[in-house]
Amino acid sequence: MQDFPTAFAKLTPGRHKARIPLGTGASGTELGIPVAILRGAKPGPCLWINGQVHGDELNGLLAAFDLLDSIDPAALSGSIVLSTTANPFALDARRKRTPADEEDLDQSYPGRADGLPTQRLAAALFSHVAEHADVTVCMHTVGTPYDGRPYAVYKLHPESGVSEAELLRLTAHFSPAISCRMSVAAGGAELPGNIAGALDYQLLARGRKAFMLEVGGGGRAEAPFIAAATAGLRGLATSMGMLGRDAPALPRTILRATRRGHLTCSHGGFAQTTVTPGSVVKAGEPILRIRNAWGELVETVTQDRDVFVIALRRDPVMQSGDRAAFVAWEWDEVTIG
């Protein structure tokens, strides 16, 4: 199989396979990132879809497969590139992090070609995306123990030249439950670690348009969410002038989260809830109730303000400190220009 740079430079119209080399395993097995390329009959932009960066997040790559299946190259201008998984080691292990070094790939870009395994993964992919992609959709899901309706995440880079309004318009193609503006500041309430090492943020730093789409929950294939993501990708490609038809109508407004974070539990036990992701829970109302091993109610998770529920614990087995829910504390409705 050809390496990606050689294949991308010489492709004729049609669907093609390539690989981004990663070295070899101890057994001599050649390691690499699988890449599918749909080259159109006419020149045009490049839409790059990163199918997953975490090994247990599957809905997005399945949506990308369906998109490639649905497009006739003769009707396509430009190229749609799918890096099916940016972390084949994590995919094979069905894990979020790289097994060899327990690092989070989406906190490791742009990477180091001479670094640890996760840094090498990041470097191998990043240079190609940064060179070719006009727009990159970074596919994710919420973690396997959680449920969530599809939503979008975007970051702002002060030197990208890409405005917040433009990023919101890109996310609007997917009719997300909410589009979340994510801070990359260290020590924030959202996630620990190097948030600025995310693929989308590092692409923005190089003036490339990029954002994240969270397509439901991890560790499973959710047909309605996959279909919705496929439709969103098709709409985005159309808006980019790749499919030779009128741009799709976008929603007039979209919900924008400007501050969000996790709610954790103090007691272990078994969680129950009647709340659903995508809903607003009023101040003081229960989000999650936890009973201990004797069936006694030991904790009711609430907030002292209204919250928008982005994702919610699906696995009822809880330990002290586990994340019970992911919520927006501040959000508004913005008009899509």
Protein backbone atom coordinates (compact mmCIF):
# COMPACT_ATOMS: atom_id res chain seq x y z
CA MET A 1 0.00 0.00 0.00
CA GLN A 2 1.26 3.47 -0.88
CA ASP A 3 2.27 5.97 1.76
CA PHE A 4 -0.05 8.96 1.97
CA PRO A 5 2.15 11.69 0.39
CA THR A 6 2.85 9.56 -2.69
CA ALA A 7 -0.75 8.47 -3.06
CA PHE A 8 -2.24 11.94 -2.57
CA ALA A 9 0.05 13.51 -5.17
CA LYS A 10 -0.76 11.00 -7.91
CA LEU A 11 -4.41 10.09 -7.40
CA THR A 12 -6.90 9.86 -10.21
CA PRO A 13 -10.62 10.43 -9.53
CA GLY A 14 -12.07 7.69 -7.33
CA ARG A 15 -11.69 6.13 -3.91
CA HIS A 16 -8.22 5.13 -2.78
CA LYS A 17 -6.38 3.64 0.18
CA ALA A 18 -3.12 4.84 1.70
CA ARG A 19 -1.20 4.66 4.94
CA ILE A 20 0.82 7.09 7.04
CA PRO A 21 3.80 5.03 8.27
CA LEU A 22 4.45 4.75 12.01
CA GLY A 23 7.39 2.33 12.10
CA THR A 24 7.32 -1.34 13.05
CA GLY A 25 6.27 -3.54 15.93
CA ALA A 26 8.51 -6.04 17.72
CA SER A 27 7.22 -8.81 15.45
CA GLY A 28 8.17 -6.84 12.34
CA THR A 29 4.59 -5.78 11.60
CA GLU A 30 4.42 -2.51 9.73
CA LEU A 31 2.49 0.09 11.70
CA GLY A 32 0.52 2.94 10.20
CA ILE A 33 -2.51 5.23 10.19
CA PRO A 34 -5.10 4.08 7.62
CA VAL A 35 -6.25 6.82 5.26
CA ALA A 36 -9.14 6.71 2.78
CA ILE A 37 -9.18 9.33 0.02
CA LEU A 38 -12.07 10.28 -2.23
CA ARG A 39 -10.63 12.30 -5.13
CA GLY A 40 -13.12 14.23 -7.22
CA ALA A 41 -13.17 14.59 -10.97
CA LYS A 42 -12.72 18.36 -10.65
CA PRO A 43 -10.24 20.41 -8.61
CA GLY A 44 -11.39 21.93 -5.36
CA PRO A 45 -10.81 22.17 -1.62
CA CYS A 46 -9.84 19.43 0.82
CA LEU A 47 -12.19 18.37 3.60
CA TRP A 48 -10.29 16.25 6.12
CA ILE A 49 -12.16 14.07 8.61
CA ASN A 50 -10.22 12.62 11.52
CA GLY A 51 -12.38 9.61 12.38
CA GLN A 52 -11.16 9.25 15.94
CA VAL A 53 -8.31 10.32 18.18
CA HIS A 54 -9.44 8.18 21.13
CA GLY A 55 -9.67 4.44 20.57
CA ASP A 56 -13.13 3.83 22.07
CA GLU A 57 -14.91 6.59 20.10
CA LEU A 58 -16.53 5.03 17.05
CA ASN A 59 -19.62 6.87 15.79
CA GLY A 60 -17.67 9.55 13.92
CA LEU A 61 -15.57 7.22 11.81
CA LEU A 62 -18.68 5.21 10.92
CA ALA A 63 -20.38 8.41 9.77
CA ALA A 64 -17.35 9.21 7.61
CA PHE A 65 -17.51 5.72 6.02
CA ASP A 66 -21.15 6.35 5.13
CA LEU A 67 -20.29 9.73 3.63
CA LEU A 68 -17.61 8.25 1.37
CA ASP A 69 -20.02 5.52 0.27
CA SER A 70 -22.65 8.10 -0.69
CA ILE A 71 -20.62 10.38 -2.99
CA ASP A 72 -19.90 9.76 -6.66
CA PRO A 73 -16.38 11.02 -7.43
CA ALA A 74 -17.65 12.31 -10.76
CA ALA A 75 -19.82 14.80 -8.83
CA LEU A 76 -17.06 15.84 -6.42
CA SER A 77 -14.76 18.85 -6.66
CA GLY A 78 -11.63 18.45 -4.56
CA SER A 79 -10.84 15.70 -2.08
CA ILE A 80 -12.35 14.21 1.05
CA VAL A 81 -9.68 12.59 3.20
CA LEU A 82 -10.46 10.32 6.14
CA SER A 83 -7.80 9.34 8.64
CA THR A 84 -9.92 6.51 10.01
CA THR A 85 -8.11 6.45 13.34
CA ALA A 86 -5.33 8.74 14.44
CA ASN A 87 -4.42 6.23 17.15
CA PRO A 88 -4.57 2.64 15.84
CA PHE A 89 -2.94 1.36 19.05
CA ALA A 90 -5.73 2.76 21.21
CA LEU A 91 -8.36 1.52 18.74
CA ASP A 92 -7.05 -2.04 18.86
CA ALA A 93 -7.13 -1.89 22.67
CA ARG A 94 -10.56 -0.12 22.71
CA ARG A 95 -9.05 2.49 25.00
CA LYS A 96 -8.95 6.27 25.07
CA ARG A 97 -5.19 6.56 25.60
CA THR A 98 -2.17 5.03 23.88
CA PRO A 99 -1.39 1.78 25.75
CA ALA A 100 2.39 2.12 25.38
CA ASP A 101 2.74 5.38 27.32
CA GLU A 102 -0.77 6.16 28.68
CA GLU A 103 -0.77 9.58 27.00
CA ASP A 104 -3.79 11.35 25.48
CA LEU A 105 -3.13 11.86 21.78
CA ASP A 106 -5.43 14.89 21.63
CA GLN A 107 -3.16 16.67 24.11
CA SER A 108 0.01 15.86 22.14
CA TYR A 109 -0.15 17.78 18.84
CA PRO A 110 1.82 18.84 16.85
CA GLY A 111 3.94 16.00 18.25
CA ARG A 112 7.60 14.98 17.94
CA ALA A 113 8.92 12.61 15.31
CA ASP A 114 11.63 11.44 17.73
CA GLY A 115 9.44 11.38 20.84
CA LEU A 116 7.37 8.87 22.80
CA PRO A 117 4.82 6.70 20.96
CA THR A 118 1.97 9.18 21.34
CA GLN A 119 4.15 12.10 20.27
CA ARG A 120 5.20 10.14 17.19
CA LEU A 121 1.57 9.41 16.34
CA ALA A 122 0.77 13.11 16.59
CA ALA A 123 3.71 14.16 14.41
CA ALA A 124 2.99 11.52 11.76
CA LEU A 125 -0.54 12.79 11.14
CA PHE A 126 -0.25 16.47 11.85
CA SER A 127 2.08 17.56 9.08
CA HIS A 128 -0.19 16.08 6.39
CA VAL A 129 -3.41 17.58 7.76
CA ALA A 130 -1.78 20.98 8.19
CA GLU A 131 -0.48 20.89 4.62
CA HIS A 132 -3.61 19.79 2.79
CA ALA A 133 -6.80 20.41 4.78
CA ASP A 134 -8.93 23.47 4.17
CA VAL A 135 -11.40 22.34 6.86
CA THR A 136 -10.85 19.57 9.39
CA VAL A 137 -13.60 17.87 11.40
CA CYS A 138 -12.15 16.11 14.44
CA MET A 139 -14.57 13.34 15.36
CA HIS A 140 -15.09 12.39 19.01
CA THR A 141 -17.71 10.95 21.33
CA VAL A 142 -18.23 11.35 25.04
CA GLY A 143 -16.56 8.61 27.09
CA THR A 144 -17.92 5.06 27.08
CA PRO A 145 -19.52 5.35 30.57
CA TYR A 146 -21.61 8.35 29.45
CA ASP A 147 -24.54 9.25 27.22
CA GLY A 148 -24.71 12.44 25.20
CA ARG A 149 -26.55 13.96 22.28
CA PRO A 150 -24.27 15.11 19.45
CA TYR A 151 -22.70 18.48 20.16
CA ALA A 152 -19.79 20.53 18.83
CA VAL A 153 -16.66 21.98 20.42
CA TYR A 154 -14.50 24.77 19.07
CA LYS A 155 -11.54 26.76 20.32
CA LEU A 156 -10.33 30.27 19.53
CA HIS A 157 -6.72 30.92 18.62
CA PRO A 158 -5.64 34.56 18.76
CA GLU A 159 -3.49 34.29 15.63
CA SER A 160 -5.57 31.95 13.48
CA GLY A 161 -7.51 34.50 11.47
CA VAL A 162 -10.56 32.24 11.94
CA SER A 163 -13.40 34.02 13.72
CA GLU A 164 -15.79 32.61 16.28
CA ALA A 165 -18.70 33.38 13.96
CA GLU A 166 -17.07 31.30 11.22
CA LEU A 167 -16.47 28.35 13.52
CA LEU A 168 -20.05 28.49 14.81
CA ARG A 169 -21.30 28.49 11.24
CA LEU A 170 -19.23 25.39 10.46
CA THR A 171 -20.62 23.55 13.48
CA ALA A 172 -24.18 24.58 12.58
CA HIS A 173 -24.15 22.11 9.65
CA PHE A 174 -24.53 19.36 12.25
CA SER A 175 -27.47 20.89 14.15
CA PRO A 176 -25.69 20.20 17.44
CA ALA A 177 -27.50 20.18 20.76
CA ILE A 178 -25.05 22.92 21.71
CA SER A 179 -21.75 24.32 20.41
CA CYS A 180 -19.20 24.72 23.19
CA ARG A 181 -16.43 27.30 23.21
CA MET A 182 -13.60 25.50 24.97
CA SER A 183 -10.86 27.31 26.83
CA VAL A 184 -7.29 26.06 26.45
CA ALA A 185 -6.12 27.79 29.64
CA ALA A 186 -4.22 25.52 32.03
CA GLY A 187 -6.05 24.60 35.22
CA GLY A 188 -9.52 25.10 33.78
CA ALA A 189 -12.65 23.34 35.00
CA GLU A 190 -13.19 21.22 31.90
CA LEU A 191 -10.28 18.77 31.67
CA PRO A 192 -6.81 18.39 33.16
CA GLY A 193 -3.78 18.33 30.88
CA ASN A 194 -2.50 20.16 27.81
CA ILE A 195 -5.73 21.27 26.11
CA ALA A 196 -3.70 23.42 23.69
CA GLY A 197 -2.25 20.16 22.32
CA ALA A 198 -5.56 19.29 20.64
CA LEU A 199 -5.51 18.66 16.90
CA ASP A 200 -8.08 21.34 16.10
CA TYR A 201 -6.30 24.02 18.16
CA GLN A 202 -2.92 23.33 16.61
CA LEU A 203 -4.45 23.46 13.12
CA LEU A 204 -6.03 26.81 14.01
CA ALA A 205 -2.58 28.01 15.05
CA ARG A 206 -1.53 27.42 11.44
CA GLY A 207 -4.52 29.25 10.01
CA ARG A 208 -6.53 26.12 9.19
CA LYS A 209 -10.22 25.86 10.03
CA ALA A 210 -10.91 23.01 12.45
CA PHE A 211 -13.39 22.00 15.13
CA MET A 212 -14.56 18.96 17.08
CA LEU A 213 -17.80 17.04 16.75
CA GLU A 214 -18.90 14.83 19.65
CA VAL A 215 -21.13 12.16 18.09
CA GLY A 216 -22.97 10.47 20.96
CA GLY A 217 -21.32 7.97 23.31
CA GLY A 218 -18.20 5.83 23.13
CA GLY A 219 -17.87 2.08 22.83
CA ARG A 220 -20.94 1.62 20.62
CA ALA A 221 -22.50 2.40 17.25
CA GLU A 222 -25.56 4.67 17.54
CA ALA A 223 -27.38 4.64 14.20
CA PRO A 224 -29.41 7.89 14.55
CA PHE A 225 -26.35 9.88 15.59
CA ILE A 226 -24.22 8.34 12.84
CA ALA A 227 -26.86 9.26 10.23
CA ALA A 228 -27.09 12.83 11.54
CA ALA A 229 -23.31 13.24 11.44
CA THR A 230 -23.20 11.87 7.89
CA ALA A 231 -25.82 14.40 6.81
CA GLY A 232 -23.84 17.17 8.51
CA LEU A 233 -20.64 16.18 6.72
CA ARG A 234 -22.45 16.17 3.39
CA GLY A 235 -23.90 19.60 4.12
CA LEU A 236 -20.47 20.92 5.06
CA ALA A 237 -18.91 19.57 1.86
CA THR A 238 -21.72 21.19 -0.11
CA SER A 239 -21.16 24.55 1.57
CA MET A 240 -17.47 24.26 0.67
CA GLY A 241 -18.47 24.05 -3.01
CA MET A 242 -17.46 20.40 -3.35
CA LEU A 243 -20.76 18.87 -4.47
CA GLY A 244 -22.03 21.31 -7.08
CA ARG A 245 -25.36 22.17 -5.52
CA ASP A 246 -26.87 24.95 -3.44
CA ALA A 247 -25.53 25.27 0.09
CA PRO A 248 -27.86 23.74 2.69
CA ALA A 249 -30.07 25.90 4.85
CA LEU A 250 -28.55 26.27 8.30
CA PRO A 251 -30.44 26.81 11.55
CA ARG A 252 -31.07 30.50 12.20
CA THR A 253 -29.71 30.28 15.73
CA ILE A 254 -27.53 27.92 17.73
CA LEU A 255 -26.92 27.41 21.44
CA ARG A 256 -23.40 28.40 22.51
CA ALA A 257 -21.86 27.23 25.78
CA THR A 258 -19.25 29.61 27.19
CA ARG A 259 -18.51 27.90 30.51
CA ARG A 260 -18.83 24.21 31.29
CA GLY A 261 -17.38 21.51 33.48
CA HIS A 262 -17.84 18.18 35.22
CA LEU A 263 -19.93 17.42 38.26
CA THR A 264 -18.39 14.74 40.45
CA CYS A 265 -19.81 12.59 43.23
CA SER A 266 -18.59 12.39 46.82
CA HIS A 267 -19.98 8.94 47.57
CA GLY A 268 -19.60 5.63 45.79
CA GLY A 269 -22.62 3.53 44.98
CA PHE A 270 -25.21 3.18 42.23
CA ALA A 271 -26.53 6.12 40.23
CA GLN A 272 -30.07 6.71 38.98
CA THR A 273 -31.49 9.62 37.04
CA THR A 274 -34.51 10.72 35.03
CA VAL A 275 -32.58 13.53 33.32
CA THR A 276 -31.62 13.30 29.64
CA PRO A 277 -28.66 14.89 27.83
CA GLY A 278 -29.63 18.05 25.99
CA SER A 279 -32.04 19.16 28.71
CA VAL A 280 -31.95 22.04 31.17
CA VAL A 281 -32.13 21.16 34.85
CA LYS A 282 -33.37 23.91 37.13
CA ALA A 283 -31.44 25.06 40.16
CA GLY A 284 -31.87 22.67 43.09
CA GLU A 285 -33.46 19.89 41.05
CA PRO A 286 -31.78 16.44 41.17
CA ILE A 287 -29.42 15.56 38.35
CA LEU A 288 -28.34 12.20 39.74
CA ARG A 289 -29.15 10.20 42.88
CA ILE A 290 -26.69 7.72 44.37
CA ARG A 291 -27.55 4.79 46.64
CA ASN A 292 -24.92 2.86 48.53
CA ALA A 293 -24.43 -0.91 48.63
CA TRP A 294 -27.21 -1.18 51.24
CA GLY A 295 -29.73 0.69 49.08
CA GLU A 296 -29.61 3.87 51.15
CA LEU A 297 -29.73 7.25 49.41
CA VAL A 298 -26.34 8.80 50.19
CA GLU A 299 -26.09 11.66 47.70
CA THR A 300 -28.21 13.79 45.41
CA VAL A 301 -26.22 15.71 42.80
CA THR A 302 -27.70 19.19 42.27
CA GLN A 303 -26.54 22.66 41.30
CA ASP A 304 -27.38 26.07 42.73
CA ARG A 305 -28.10 27.40 39.24
CA ASP A 306 -29.76 26.17 36.05
CA VAL A 307 -27.49 23.90 34.01
CA PHE A 308 -27.57 22.54 30.46
CA VAL A 309 -26.80 18.81 30.57
CA ILE A 310 -24.24 17.97 27.87
CA ALA A 311 -23.47 14.39 28.93
CA LEU A 312 -24.65 12.16 31.74
CA ARG A 313 -23.35 9.08 33.49
CA ARG A 314 -24.68 5.89 31.83
CA ASP A 315 -22.76 3.33 33.88
CA PRO A 316 -24.51 3.33 37.27
CA VAL A 317 -21.52 2.03 39.24
CA MET A 318 -19.82 5.02 40.88
CA GLN A 319 -16.73 5.61 43.00
CA SER A 320 -16.01 8.72 45.03
CA GLY A 321 -14.71 11.36 42.61
CA ASP A 322 -16.27 9.87 39.47
CA ARG A 323 -17.78 12.27 36.96
CA ALA A 324 -21.55 12.23 37.28
CA ALA A 325 -22.40 14.72 34.53
CA PHE A 326 -20.88 17.22 32.13
CA VAL A 327 -22.83 20.47 32.11
CA ALA A 328 -22.82 24.02 30.81
CA TRP A 329 -23.12 26.64 33.53
CA GLU A 330 -23.31 29.53 31.08
CA TRP A 331 -24.84 29.46 27.61
CA ASP A 332 -26.71 31.70 25.22
CA GLU A 333 -28.42 31.64 21.84
CA VAL A 334 -26.52 33.21 18.95
CA THR A 335 -27.56 34.00 15.40
CA ILE A 336 -25.78 32.19 12.58
CA GLY A 337 -24.69 34.75 9.99
